[in-house]
Amino acid sequence: MTIRRVVPDIRSDDLEGSRSFYGLLGFVEVMNLGWAMTLASPSNPTAQLTLMGEDATAAVQPDVSVEVDDVDSVYAAVVAAGAEIVYPLQDEQWGVRRFFVRDPNGRVVNVVGHL
């Protein structure tokens, strides 16, 4: 398995205000779904953060996203290990395959791969 990137997910009730604030630190918008917005460093595109309102399909919001090259094998491994699946593995309409799992600290991890 290859980890492609790790992105903190920041809950926000004011996506535009948050985008403006992180813009002061040099981040620019690279993706906007209306309820989730990813910002990245122009000089280091894998330095990213995601601002999130309510998730479009899941009942919970993740604390961190981990993009992997084979989300199905990661899903099988965490299920086999007995980890708590918070949101089942599925394809989303915006072009990702993902699931949420709870880590030992109670944090929700969005494990995602692009379709």
Protein backbone atom coordinates (compact mmCIF):
# COMPACT_ATOMS: atom_id res chain seq x y z
CA MET A 1 0.00 0.00 0.00
CA THR A 2 1.16 3.49 -0.81
CA ILE A 3 0.07 6.57 1.12
CA ARG A 4 -0.34 9.42 -1.34
CA ARG A 5 -1.14 12.23 1.12
CA VAL A 6 -2.49 12.99 4.56
CA VAL A 7 -4.83 15.95 4.96
CA PRO A 8 -6.24 17.42 8.19
CA ASP A 9 -10.00 17.95 7.99
CA ILE A 10 -11.09 21.13 9.76
CA ARG A 11 -14.75 21.55 10.64
CA SER A 12 -16.03 24.97 9.65
CA ASP A 13 -19.34 26.80 9.94
CA ASP A 14 -17.87 29.55 7.72
CA LEU A 15 -16.06 28.05 4.74
CA GLU A 16 -15.50 31.40 3.04
CA GLY A 17 -14.13 33.00 6.22
CA SER A 18 -11.89 29.99 6.80
CA ARG A 19 -10.65 30.08 3.21
CA SER A 20 -9.79 33.76 3.64
CA PHE A 21 -7.95 33.09 6.90
CA TYR A 22 -5.86 30.23 5.51
CA GLY A 23 -5.23 32.36 2.42
CA LEU A 24 -3.29 34.68 4.73
CA LEU A 25 -0.96 31.71 5.36
CA GLY A 26 -0.48 31.19 1.63
CA PHE A 27 -3.05 28.47 0.91
CA VAL A 28 -5.13 28.58 -2.29
CA GLU A 29 -8.34 26.73 -3.12
CA VAL A 30 -7.79 23.63 -5.25
CA MET A 31 -11.17 21.89 -4.82
CA ASN A 32 -14.62 23.08 -3.77
CA LEU A 33 -17.67 20.83 -3.45
CA GLY A 34 -19.74 23.46 -1.68
CA TRP A 35 -19.67 21.58 1.64
CA ALA A 36 -15.96 20.70 1.51
CA MET A 37 -13.08 22.81 0.26
CA THR A 38 -9.45 21.75 -0.10
CA LEU A 39 -6.69 24.33 0.13
CA ALA A 40 -3.09 23.72 -0.88
CA SER A 41 0.27 25.41 -0.93
CA PRO A 42 1.11 26.66 -4.43
CA SER A 43 4.77 25.79 -3.90
CA ASN A 44 4.13 22.36 -2.33
CA PRO A 45 0.81 21.00 -3.65
CA THR A 46 0.71 18.03 -1.25
CA ALA A 47 0.69 20.44 1.73
CA GLN A 48 -3.07 20.61 2.06
CA LEU A 49 -5.98 21.00 4.44
CA THR A 50 -9.69 20.47 3.93
CA LEU A 51 -12.37 22.72 5.36
CA MET A 52 -15.66 20.91 5.93
CA GLY A 53 -19.23 21.82 6.66
CA GLU A 54 -21.59 18.86 7.00
CA ASP A 55 -20.46 15.85 4.99
CA ALA A 56 -22.65 15.30 1.93
CA THR A 57 -23.17 11.56 2.51
CA ALA A 58 -21.80 10.55 5.91
CA ALA A 59 -23.44 11.23 9.27
CA VAL A 60 -20.08 12.03 10.89
CA GLN A 61 -17.21 14.26 9.86
CA PRO A 62 -13.66 12.94 9.69
CA ASP A 63 -10.75 14.48 11.58
CA VAL A 64 -8.14 13.50 8.99
CA SER A 65 -8.09 12.08 5.46
CA VAL A 66 -5.52 9.56 4.27
CA GLU A 67 -5.35 9.01 0.52
CA VAL A 68 -4.06 5.56 -0.44
CA ASP A 69 -3.47 3.77 -3.72
CA ASP A 70 -5.63 0.72 -2.81
CA VAL A 71 -8.52 1.64 -0.54
CA ASP A 72 -10.04 -1.85 -0.82
CA SER A 73 -6.99 -3.58 0.66
CA VAL A 74 -6.82 -1.05 3.50
CA TYR A 75 -10.51 -1.59 4.21
CA ALA A 76 -9.97 -5.38 4.35
CA ALA A 77 -7.02 -4.93 6.72
CA VAL A 78 -8.84 -2.66 9.19
CA VAL A 79 -11.95 -4.88 9.17
CA ALA A 80 -9.78 -7.96 9.79
CA ALA A 81 -8.11 -6.13 12.69
CA GLY A 82 -11.51 -5.43 14.25
CA ALA A 83 -11.38 -1.65 13.90
CA GLU A 84 -14.67 0.25 14.14
CA ILE A 85 -15.99 1.19 10.72
CA VAL A 86 -17.88 4.47 11.10
CA TYR A 87 -18.90 4.85 7.43
CA PRO A 88 -18.82 1.85 5.09
CA LEU A 89 -16.68 1.54 1.97
CA GLN A 90 -18.40 3.06 -1.03
CA ASP A 91 -17.96 5.03 -4.21
CA GLU A 92 -18.97 8.69 -3.97
CA GLN A 93 -20.44 10.74 -6.81
CA TRP A 94 -17.49 13.17 -6.75
CA GLY A 95 -15.03 10.52 -7.89
CA VAL A 96 -13.61 8.90 -4.77
CA ARG A 97 -13.95 5.52 -3.05
CA ARG A 98 -13.79 5.91 0.73
CA PHE A 99 -14.63 4.67 4.20
CA PHE A 100 -14.31 6.08 7.72
CA VAL A 101 -12.68 4.21 10.58
CA ARG A 102 -12.26 5.24 14.21
CA ASP A 103 -8.68 5.26 15.51
CA PRO A 104 -7.74 4.20 19.10
CA ASN A 105 -8.01 7.86 20.19
CA GLY A 106 -11.58 8.20 18.99
CA ARG A 107 -10.64 10.22 15.90
CA VAL A 108 -12.42 9.50 12.64
CA VAL A 109 -10.12 8.76 9.70
CA ASN A 110 -11.38 9.13 6.14
CA VAL A 111 -9.47 6.57 4.06
CA VAL A 112 -9.87 7.54 0.43
CA GLY A 113 -8.76 6.62 -3.06
CA HIS A 114 -9.59 8.36 -6.31
CA LEU A 115 -11.60 6.40 -8.87
